[in-house]
Amino acid sequence: MEQSGVPYGFTFQASLYEGLPCCDFNEFISTWGGAYFGGREYLFGPVGERPITVANPAVVDSVRMIRTFIWGQDDPSALDGYAGGIAPTGVLTWIEDTSYSPFGAGDAVMHRNWPYAINSAGAESAARGPKAHSGRISE
């Protein structure tokens, strides 16, 4: 970020709405190997009989990572070894469209969103799949 002059490293949606638990948070915890209700065997049920695993270390560390992204290493729960301060505190109020704005304006290096955001960023061929373009996102 500092070398490129881009103000943000990572933008995403963290407003208190349905997208936070079903999309963003679920993606963050699953990339760490965590889950709301245990492993894949409990993904679709049985409802009421699944273990609740949000206190597992993988889930907690995923939250610590995002806190580090937002507040940096000064946060008491910061995760060592992760870049801090790369996401603006604005993510805590953003949904899909508002989170896309900085990225679309060239003010963010990375952005978490739905596939439509690829086209919104001006990369039509990238949204059609790997065989439809030369591997470059933009011309």
Protein backbone atom coordinates (compact mmCIF):
# COMPACT_ATOMS: atom_id res chain seq x y z
CA MET A 1 0.00 0.00 0.00
CA GLU A 2 2.70 2.47 0.98
CA GLN A 3 4.76 1.81 -2.13
CA SER A 4 1.79 2.05 -4.48
CA GLY A 5 0.12 5.04 -2.88
CA VAL A 6 -3.17 3.11 -2.65
CA PRO A 7 -4.84 3.98 0.67
CA TYR A 8 -6.38 0.57 1.44
CA GLY A 9 -5.09 -2.96 1.17
CA PHE A 10 -8.33 -4.88 1.65
CA THR A 11 -12.00 -3.90 1.50
CA PHE A 12 -14.96 -6.09 2.38
CA GLN A 13 -18.42 -6.03 3.96
CA ALA A 14 -18.68 -6.06 7.76
CA SER A 15 -21.86 -4.12 8.44
CA LEU A 16 -24.33 -5.78 10.79
CA TYR A 17 -26.52 -7.37 8.13
CA GLU A 18 -27.11 -10.85 6.69
CA GLY A 19 -24.00 -10.74 4.49
CA LEU A 20 -21.63 -10.65 7.46
CA PRO A 21 -22.42 -14.07 9.00
CA CYS A 22 -23.49 -15.91 5.85
CA CYS A 23 -20.72 -14.69 3.55
CA ASP A 24 -17.77 -12.70 4.87
CA PHE A 25 -17.45 -14.23 8.34
CA ASN A 26 -18.15 -17.71 7.02
CA GLU A 27 -15.40 -17.27 4.40
CA PHE A 28 -12.95 -15.93 6.98
CA ILE A 29 -13.51 -18.78 9.44
CA SER A 30 -13.58 -21.53 6.83
CA THR A 31 -10.26 -20.43 5.35
CA TRP A 32 -8.80 -21.01 8.79
CA GLY A 33 -10.43 -24.44 8.97
CA GLY A 34 -13.18 -23.29 11.31
CA ALA A 35 -16.94 -23.53 11.07
CA TYR A 36 -20.10 -22.53 12.88
CA PHE A 37 -21.17 -26.11 13.52
CA GLY A 38 -18.19 -28.45 13.31
CA GLY A 39 -16.83 -29.88 10.08
CA ARG A 40 -18.31 -30.64 6.69
CA GLU A 41 -20.28 -33.57 8.04
CA TYR A 42 -22.53 -31.07 9.84
CA LEU A 43 -22.84 -28.54 7.01
CA PHE A 44 -26.46 -29.43 6.21
CA GLY A 45 -27.63 -30.74 9.55
CA PRO A 46 -29.03 -32.36 11.45
CA VAL A 47 -30.36 -29.08 12.79
CA GLY A 48 -30.26 -28.93 16.56
CA GLU A 49 -27.79 -31.78 16.84
CA ARG A 50 -24.68 -30.10 15.46
CA PRO A 51 -21.83 -29.02 17.73
CA ILE A 52 -21.38 -25.27 18.02
CA THR A 53 -17.72 -24.62 17.28
CA VAL A 54 -17.38 -20.83 17.05
CA ALA A 55 -15.09 -20.78 20.09
CA ASN A 56 -12.53 -23.09 18.44
CA PRO A 57 -9.04 -21.66 17.89
CA ALA A 58 -9.45 -21.53 14.09
CA VAL A 59 -12.55 -19.36 14.39
CA VAL A 60 -11.04 -17.12 17.07
CA ASP A 61 -7.86 -16.65 15.02
CA SER A 62 -9.87 -15.68 11.95
CA VAL A 63 -11.57 -12.93 13.98
CA ARG A 64 -8.20 -11.83 15.35
CA MET A 65 -6.87 -11.64 11.78
CA ILE A 66 -9.68 -9.33 10.68
CA ARG A 67 -9.25 -7.20 13.81
CA THR A 68 -5.56 -6.91 12.90
CA PHE A 69 -6.43 -5.94 9.33
CA ILE A 70 -8.62 -3.13 10.68
CA TRP A 71 -6.90 -1.87 13.84
CA GLY A 72 -3.33 -3.06 13.39
CA GLN A 73 -0.87 -4.54 15.84
CA ASP A 74 -1.96 -2.09 18.56
CA ASP A 75 -5.22 -4.02 18.96
CA PRO A 76 -5.07 -6.15 22.13
CA SER A 77 -6.32 -9.14 20.12
CA ALA A 78 -4.02 -8.61 17.13
CA LEU A 79 -2.68 -11.71 15.44
CA ASP A 80 1.10 -11.74 15.22
CA GLY A 81 2.62 -11.91 11.76
CA TYR A 82 -0.28 -10.25 9.93
CA ALA A 83 -0.28 -6.84 8.30
CA GLY A 84 -2.20 -4.35 10.33
CA GLY A 85 -4.22 -1.36 9.34
CA ILE A 86 -4.81 -2.56 5.77
CA ALA A 87 -8.62 -2.32 5.97
CA PRO A 88 -10.37 0.94 6.82
CA THR A 89 -12.71 1.06 9.81
CA GLY A 90 -15.39 1.94 7.26
CA VAL A 91 -15.71 -1.78 6.46
CA LEU A 92 -17.70 -2.05 9.69
CA THR A 93 -20.52 -0.10 8.03
CA TRP A 94 -20.16 -1.35 4.45
CA ILE A 95 -22.31 -3.76 2.47
CA GLU A 96 -21.57 -4.94 -1.10
CA ASP A 97 -22.03 -1.66 -2.99
CA THR A 98 -20.41 0.63 -0.43
CA SER A 99 -17.45 -1.72 0.01
CA TYR A 100 -16.89 -1.81 -3.74
CA SER A 101 -16.62 1.97 -4.13
CA PRO A 102 -13.00 2.36 -2.92
CA PHE A 103 -11.87 -0.65 -4.96
CA GLY A 104 -13.69 0.54 -8.06
CA ALA A 105 -12.04 3.94 -7.68
CA GLY A 106 -8.59 2.33 -7.50
CA ASP A 107 -8.20 3.01 -3.78
CA ALA A 108 -7.89 -0.63 -2.62
CA VAL A 109 -5.51 -3.42 -3.56
CA MET A 110 -7.90 -6.32 -2.82
CA HIS A 111 -11.65 -6.57 -2.46
CA ARG A 112 -13.97 -9.34 -1.22
CA ASN A 113 -17.27 -9.36 -3.07
CA TRP A 114 -19.49 -11.40 -5.39
CA PRO A 115 -18.39 -12.27 -8.94
CA TYR A 116 -20.35 -9.33 -10.40
CA ALA A 117 -17.67 -7.06 -8.96
CA ILE A 118 -15.20 -8.40 -11.54
CA ASN A 119 -17.32 -6.93 -14.34
CA SER A 120 -17.89 -3.76 -12.33
CA ALA A 121 -14.11 -3.36 -12.17
CA GLY A 122 -13.97 -3.42 -15.96
CA ALA A 123 -12.86 -6.98 -16.51
CA GLU A 124 -15.66 -8.52 -18.57
CA SER A 125 -13.53 -11.33 -19.97
CA ALA A 126 -12.40 -12.41 -16.50
CA ALA A 127 -16.01 -13.06 -15.47
CA ARG A 128 -16.56 -15.42 -18.41
CA GLY A 129 -13.93 -17.84 -17.20
CA PRO A 130 -10.27 -18.67 -17.73
CA LYS A 131 -10.66 -19.82 -21.35
CA ALA A 132 -12.31 -16.56 -22.40
CA HIS A 133 -9.30 -14.33 -21.84
CA SER A 134 -5.54 -14.36 -21.98
CA GLY A 135 -5.09 -14.44 -18.20
CA ARG A 136 -4.86 -10.69 -17.83
CA ILE A 137 -7.59 -9.05 -15.81
CA SER A 138 -7.35 -5.70 -17.57
CA GLU A 139 -6.08 -4.59 -20.93
